Amino acid sequence: MMQTMTAPRATVIRPNGHFNAANAADFQQYLTAEVTQATHDCVVVNLEQVESMDSAGLMVLVHGLRVAQSLGKSFHLCSVAPSIRIIFELTQLDSVFEILDTPIEVTAA
């Protein structure tokens, strides 16, 4: 299940559970629609409730980043658990995504 909220300066998408090949297509469809329809120029994906992620889930986030960039929107990740952050570091995608500690940092960015 996924949830989208509108904060004062950003659209915050809050996925939860496991992101893997079994649900990557659904997540990509949802993320693409939310990024495209976002009323703010800043989109934040809060990964606080994501328990695990494989390469398919990671590629959905890369796709979301590309969609946001094509629309002139910024795309951030936040609240990434250490067990998931290591995936970004090993793939060197931590230098591609802006990873914030908390969604509050968006207001300062």
N, C-alpha and C. Protein backbone atom coordinates (compact mmCIF):
# COMPACT_ATOMS: atom_id res chain seq x y z
N MET A 1 0.84 -1.18 0.00
CA MET A 1 0.00 0.00 0.00
C MET A 1 0.88 1.24 0.00
N MET A 2 0.43 2.25 -0.69
CA MET A 2 1.17 3.50 -0.78
C MET A 2 0.26 4.65 -0.40
N GLN A 3 0.86 5.70 0.05
CA GLN A 3 0.11 6.87 0.50
C GLN A 3 0.81 8.11 -0.02
N THR A 4 0.05 9.08 -0.47
CA THR A 4 0.62 10.34 -0.93
C THR A 4 0.01 11.47 -0.12
N MET A 5 0.87 12.39 0.33
CA MET A 5 0.41 13.54 1.09
C MET A 5 1.00 14.79 0.45
N THR A 6 0.32 15.88 0.63
CA THR A 6 0.83 17.15 0.15
C THR A 6 1.27 17.97 1.35
N ALA A 7 2.55 18.22 1.43
CA ALA A 7 3.12 19.06 2.48
C ALA A 7 3.14 20.49 1.96
N PRO A 8 3.47 21.46 2.81
CA PRO A 8 3.46 22.85 2.35
C PRO A 8 4.35 23.13 1.13
N ARG A 9 5.47 22.42 1.00
CA ARG A 9 6.38 22.71 -0.10
C ARG A 9 6.69 21.51 -0.98
N ALA A 10 6.05 20.38 -0.71
CA ALA A 10 6.39 19.17 -1.46
C ALA A 10 5.24 18.18 -1.48
N THR A 11 5.29 17.30 -2.46
CA THR A 11 4.41 16.13 -2.50
C THR A 11 5.21 14.98 -1.92
N VAL A 12 4.69 14.34 -0.88
CA VAL A 12 5.40 13.27 -0.19
C VAL A 12 4.70 11.94 -0.47
N ILE A 13 5.44 11.00 -1.02
CA ILE A 13 4.92 9.67 -1.33
C ILE A 13 5.49 8.72 -0.28
N ARG A 14 4.60 7.97 0.38
CA ARG A 14 5.02 7.09 1.48
C ARG A 14 4.68 5.63 1.16
N PRO A 15 5.56 4.96 0.47
CA PRO A 15 5.33 3.53 0.22
C PRO A 15 5.66 2.72 1.48
N ASN A 16 5.20 1.47 1.51
CA ASN A 16 5.57 0.61 2.64
C ASN A 16 5.66 -0.84 2.19
N GLY A 17 6.31 -1.65 3.02
CA GLY A 17 6.42 -3.07 2.72
C GLY A 17 7.69 -3.41 1.98
N HIS A 18 7.56 -4.35 1.06
CA HIS A 18 8.70 -4.87 0.30
C HIS A 18 8.57 -4.42 -1.15
N PHE A 19 9.67 -3.91 -1.71
CA PHE A 19 9.68 -3.55 -3.13
C PHE A 19 10.58 -4.53 -3.85
N ASN A 20 9.93 -5.35 -4.66
CA ASN A 20 10.68 -6.36 -5.39
C ASN A 20 10.02 -6.59 -6.75
N ALA A 21 10.53 -7.56 -7.45
CA ALA A 21 10.03 -7.83 -8.80
C ALA A 21 8.54 -8.15 -8.81
N ALA A 22 8.02 -8.67 -7.72
CA ALA A 22 6.60 -9.04 -7.66
C ALA A 22 5.67 -7.84 -7.71
N ASN A 23 6.10 -6.69 -7.18
CA ASN A 23 5.20 -5.53 -7.16
C ASN A 23 5.81 -4.28 -7.81
N ALA A 24 6.93 -4.43 -8.47
CA ALA A 24 7.60 -3.27 -9.08
C ALA A 24 6.74 -2.58 -10.13
N ALA A 25 6.02 -3.34 -10.92
CA ALA A 25 5.20 -2.73 -11.98
C ALA A 25 4.09 -1.86 -11.38
N ASP A 26 3.46 -2.34 -10.32
CA ASP A 26 2.41 -1.56 -9.66
C ASP A 26 2.99 -0.29 -9.04
N PHE A 27 4.14 -0.44 -8.38
CA PHE A 27 4.79 0.71 -7.76
C PHE A 27 5.21 1.73 -8.81
N GLN A 28 5.73 1.26 -9.94
CA GLN A 28 6.14 2.19 -11.00
C GLN A 28 4.95 2.94 -11.56
N GLN A 29 3.86 2.27 -11.78
CA GLN A 29 2.66 2.93 -12.29
C GLN A 29 2.18 3.99 -11.30
N TYR A 30 2.13 3.65 -10.03
CA TYR A 30 1.69 4.58 -8.99
C TYR A 30 2.65 5.77 -8.89
N LEU A 31 3.94 5.50 -8.84
CA LEU A 31 4.93 6.56 -8.69
C LEU A 31 4.92 7.51 -9.89
N THR A 32 4.83 6.96 -11.07
CA THR A 32 4.79 7.78 -12.28
C THR A 32 3.57 8.70 -12.27
N ALA A 33 2.43 8.17 -11.91
CA ALA A 33 1.21 8.98 -11.85
C ALA A 33 1.32 10.08 -10.80
N GLU A 34 1.86 9.75 -9.64
CA GLU A 34 1.98 10.74 -8.57
C GLU A 34 2.98 11.83 -8.92
N VAL A 35 4.10 11.47 -9.51
CA VAL A 35 5.10 12.48 -9.90
C VAL A 35 4.53 13.38 -10.98
N THR A 36 3.85 12.79 -11.95
CA THR A 36 3.27 13.56 -13.05
C THR A 36 2.19 14.52 -12.57
N GLN A 37 1.38 14.08 -11.61
CA GLN A 37 0.26 14.89 -11.14
C GLN A 37 0.60 15.76 -9.93
N ALA A 38 1.82 15.67 -9.44
CA ALA A 38 2.20 16.43 -8.24
C ALA A 38 1.99 17.92 -8.46
N THR A 39 1.40 18.56 -7.46
CA THR A 39 1.12 19.99 -7.56
C THR A 39 2.33 20.85 -7.19
N HIS A 40 3.33 20.23 -6.58
CA HIS A 40 4.56 20.95 -6.22
C HIS A 40 5.69 20.56 -7.16
N ASP A 41 6.71 21.40 -7.20
CA ASP A 41 7.88 21.10 -8.02
C ASP A 41 8.87 20.21 -7.28
N CYS A 42 8.53 19.81 -6.08
CA CYS A 42 9.39 18.96 -5.26
C CYS A 42 8.63 17.70 -4.87
N VAL A 43 9.22 16.55 -5.18
CA VAL A 43 8.62 15.26 -4.84
C VAL A 43 9.58 14.54 -3.91
N VAL A 44 9.05 14.04 -2.80
CA VAL A 44 9.84 13.30 -1.82
C VAL A 44 9.25 11.91 -1.66
N VAL A 45 10.10 10.90 -1.76
CA VAL A 45 9.66 9.53 -1.49
C VAL A 45 10.22 9.17 -0.12
N ASN A 46 9.32 9.04 0.84
CA ASN A 46 9.68 8.71 2.21
C ASN A 46 9.72 7.19 2.34
N LEU A 47 10.93 6.65 2.52
CA LEU A 47 11.11 5.20 2.55
C LEU A 47 11.12 4.63 3.97
N GLU A 48 10.63 5.39 4.91
CA GLU A 48 10.65 4.99 6.31
C GLU A 48 9.99 3.63 6.56
N GLN A 49 8.92 3.33 5.84
CA GLN A 49 8.17 2.10 6.09
C GLN A 49 8.48 0.99 5.08
N VAL A 50 9.54 1.18 4.29
CA VAL A 50 9.94 0.15 3.33
C VAL A 50 10.86 -0.83 4.05
N GLU A 51 10.49 -2.09 4.03
CA GLU A 51 11.24 -3.11 4.76
C GLU A 51 12.39 -3.71 3.96
N SER A 52 12.20 -3.84 2.66
CA SER A 52 13.26 -4.39 1.81
C SER A 52 13.06 -3.92 0.38
N MET A 53 14.16 -3.97 -0.39
CA MET A 53 14.10 -3.53 -1.78
C MET A 53 15.10 -4.33 -2.58
N ASP A 54 14.70 -4.77 -3.75
CA ASP A 54 15.65 -5.43 -4.64
C ASP A 54 15.92 -4.52 -5.84
N SER A 55 16.62 -5.04 -6.82
CA SER A 55 17.01 -4.22 -7.97
C SER A 55 15.80 -3.71 -8.75
N ALA A 56 14.72 -4.46 -8.77
CA ALA A 56 13.51 -4.00 -9.48
C ALA A 56 12.92 -2.78 -8.79
N GLY A 57 12.88 -2.80 -7.46
CA GLY A 57 12.39 -1.64 -6.72
C GLY A 57 13.30 -0.44 -6.90
N LEU A 58 14.58 -0.69 -6.93
CA LEU A 58 15.55 0.38 -7.15
C LEU A 58 15.37 1.02 -8.52
N MET A 59 15.12 0.21 -9.53
CA MET A 59 14.93 0.73 -10.88
C MET A 59 13.65 1.55 -11.00
N VAL A 60 12.65 1.24 -10.19
CA VAL A 60 11.43 2.05 -10.19
C VAL A 60 11.76 3.45 -9.68
N LEU A 61 12.58 3.54 -8.65
CA LEU A 61 12.98 4.86 -8.14
C LEU A 61 13.79 5.63 -9.17
N VAL A 62 14.67 4.94 -9.89
CA VAL A 62 15.43 5.59 -10.96
C VAL A 62 14.47 6.12 -12.02
N HIS A 63 13.47 5.33 -12.37
CA HIS A 63 12.46 5.77 -13.34
C HIS A 63 11.71 7.00 -12.82
N GLY A 64 11.33 6.98 -11.55
CA GLY A 64 10.65 8.13 -10.95
C GLY A 64 11.51 9.38 -11.01
N LEU A 65 12.79 9.23 -10.75
CA LEU A 65 13.73 10.36 -10.84
C LEU A 65 13.76 10.92 -12.26
N ARG A 66 13.82 10.05 -13.23
CA ARG A 66 13.86 10.49 -14.63
C ARG A 66 12.58 11.22 -15.03
N VAL A 67 11.44 10.70 -14.59
CA VAL A 67 10.16 11.35 -14.89
C VAL A 67 10.14 12.74 -14.26
N ALA A 68 10.54 12.83 -13.00
CA ALA A 68 10.56 14.13 -12.31
C ALA A 68 11.49 15.11 -13.03
N GLN A 69 12.67 14.66 -13.40
CA GLN A 69 13.61 15.54 -14.10
C GLN A 69 13.06 16.01 -15.44
N SER A 70 12.36 15.12 -16.14
CA SER A 70 11.80 15.51 -17.44
C SER A 70 10.70 16.56 -17.30
N LEU A 71 10.09 16.61 -16.10
CA LEU A 71 9.04 17.60 -15.83
C LEU A 71 9.57 18.83 -15.10
N GLY A 72 10.88 18.88 -14.88
CA GLY A 72 11.48 20.02 -14.19
C GLY A 72 11.22 20.01 -12.69
N LYS A 73 10.97 18.84 -12.13
CA LYS A 73 10.71 18.73 -10.69
C LYS A 73 11.92 18.11 -10.00
N SER A 74 12.09 18.47 -8.74
CA SER A 74 13.15 17.82 -7.96
C SER A 74 12.58 16.55 -7.34
N PHE A 75 13.45 15.58 -7.12
CA PHE A 75 13.04 14.27 -6.63
C PHE A 75 14.01 13.86 -5.53
N HIS A 76 13.49 13.63 -4.35
CA HIS A 76 14.33 13.30 -3.19
C HIS A 76 13.84 12.02 -2.54
N LEU A 77 14.75 11.36 -1.85
CA LEU A 77 14.41 10.23 -1.00
C LEU A 77 14.68 10.65 0.43
N CYS A 78 13.93 10.10 1.37
CA CYS A 78 14.20 10.42 2.78
C CYS A 78 13.89 9.22 3.66
N SER A 79 14.40 9.30 4.88
CA SER A 79 14.16 8.28 5.91
C SER A 79 14.50 6.89 5.41
N VAL A 80 15.67 6.76 4.80
CA VAL A 80 16.11 5.48 4.25
C VAL A 80 16.81 4.68 5.36
N ALA A 81 16.31 3.49 5.63
CA ALA A 81 16.90 2.63 6.65
C ALA A 81 18.31 2.23 6.25
N PRO A 82 19.19 2.01 7.20
CA PRO A 82 20.57 1.61 6.89
C PRO A 82 20.65 0.37 6.01
N SER A 83 19.75 -0.59 6.22
CA SER A 83 19.77 -1.81 5.42
C SER A 83 19.42 -1.55 3.95
N ILE A 84 18.68 -0.50 3.69
CA ILE A 84 18.34 -0.14 2.32
C ILE A 84 19.34 0.87 1.76
N ARG A 85 19.84 1.75 2.60
CA ARG A 85 20.84 2.73 2.16
C ARG A 85 22.07 2.05 1.58
N ILE A 86 22.43 0.90 2.12
CA ILE A 86 23.60 0.18 1.62
C ILE A 86 23.44 -0.20 0.15
N ILE A 87 22.21 -0.46 -0.27
CA ILE A 87 21.94 -0.78 -1.67
C ILE A 87 22.30 0.42 -2.55
N PHE A 88 21.93 1.61 -2.11
CA PHE A 88 22.25 2.82 -2.87
C PHE A 88 23.76 3.04 -2.91
N GLU A 89 24.43 2.76 -1.80
CA GLU A 89 25.88 2.94 -1.75
C GLU A 89 26.61 1.93 -2.63
N LEU A 90 26.19 0.67 -2.58
CA LEU A 90 26.85 -0.37 -3.38
C LEU A 90 26.67 -0.14 -4.87
N THR A 91 25.53 0.40 -5.26
CA THR A 91 25.27 0.67 -6.67
C THR A 91 25.72 2.07 -7.08
N GLN A 92 26.25 2.82 -6.12
CA GLN A 92 26.70 4.20 -6.30
C GLN A 92 25.56 5.14 -6.71
N LEU A 93 24.34 4.74 -6.44
CA LEU A 93 23.20 5.61 -6.72
C LEU A 93 22.98 6.63 -5.61
N ASP A 94 23.74 6.51 -4.53
CA ASP A 94 23.66 7.52 -3.48
C ASP A 94 24.19 8.86 -3.97
N SER A 95 24.97 8.84 -5.05
CA SER A 95 25.44 10.09 -5.64
C SER A 95 24.48 10.62 -6.70
N VAL A 96 23.51 9.81 -7.09
CA VAL A 96 22.52 10.23 -8.09
C VAL A 96 21.29 10.82 -7.41
N PHE A 97 20.84 10.16 -6.34
CA PHE A 97 19.68 10.62 -5.59
C PHE A 97 20.11 11.57 -4.48
N GLU A 98 19.27 12.54 -4.21
CA GLU A 98 19.47 13.34 -3.01
C GLU A 98 18.71 12.62 -1.90
N ILE A 99 19.47 12.12 -0.92
CA ILE A 99 18.88 11.36 0.17
C ILE A 99 18.91 12.20 1.43
N LEU A 100 17.72 12.53 1.91
CA LEU A 100 17.57 13.35 3.11
C LEU A 100 17.30 12.46 4.30
N ASP A 101 17.67 12.93 5.48
CA ASP A 101 17.41 12.14 6.68
C ASP A 101 15.92 12.12 7.02
N THR A 102 15.27 13.29 6.90
CA THR A 102 13.85 13.39 7.23
C THR A 102 13.15 14.25 6.19
N PRO A 103 11.82 14.12 6.07
CA PRO A 103 11.09 14.97 5.12
C PRO A 103 11.13 16.46 5.51
N ILE A 104 11.42 16.75 6.77
CA ILE A 104 11.49 18.15 7.22
C ILE A 104 12.60 18.89 6.48
N GLU A 105 13.66 18.18 6.09
CA GLU A 105 14.76 18.82 5.40
C GLU A 105 14.37 19.43 4.06
N VAL A 106 13.25 19.02 3.50
CA VAL A 106 12.78 19.57 2.24
C VAL A 106 12.52 21.06 2.38
N THR A 107 11.98 21.46 3.50
CA THR A 107 11.67 22.88 3.69
C THR A 107 12.94 23.72 3.74
N ALA A 108 14.04 23.11 4.13
CA ALA A 108 15.30 23.84 4.17
C ALA A 108 16.04 23.78 2.85
N ALA A 109 15.70 22.80 2.00
CA ALA A 109 16.42 22.63 0.74
C ALA A 109 15.96 23.63 -0.31
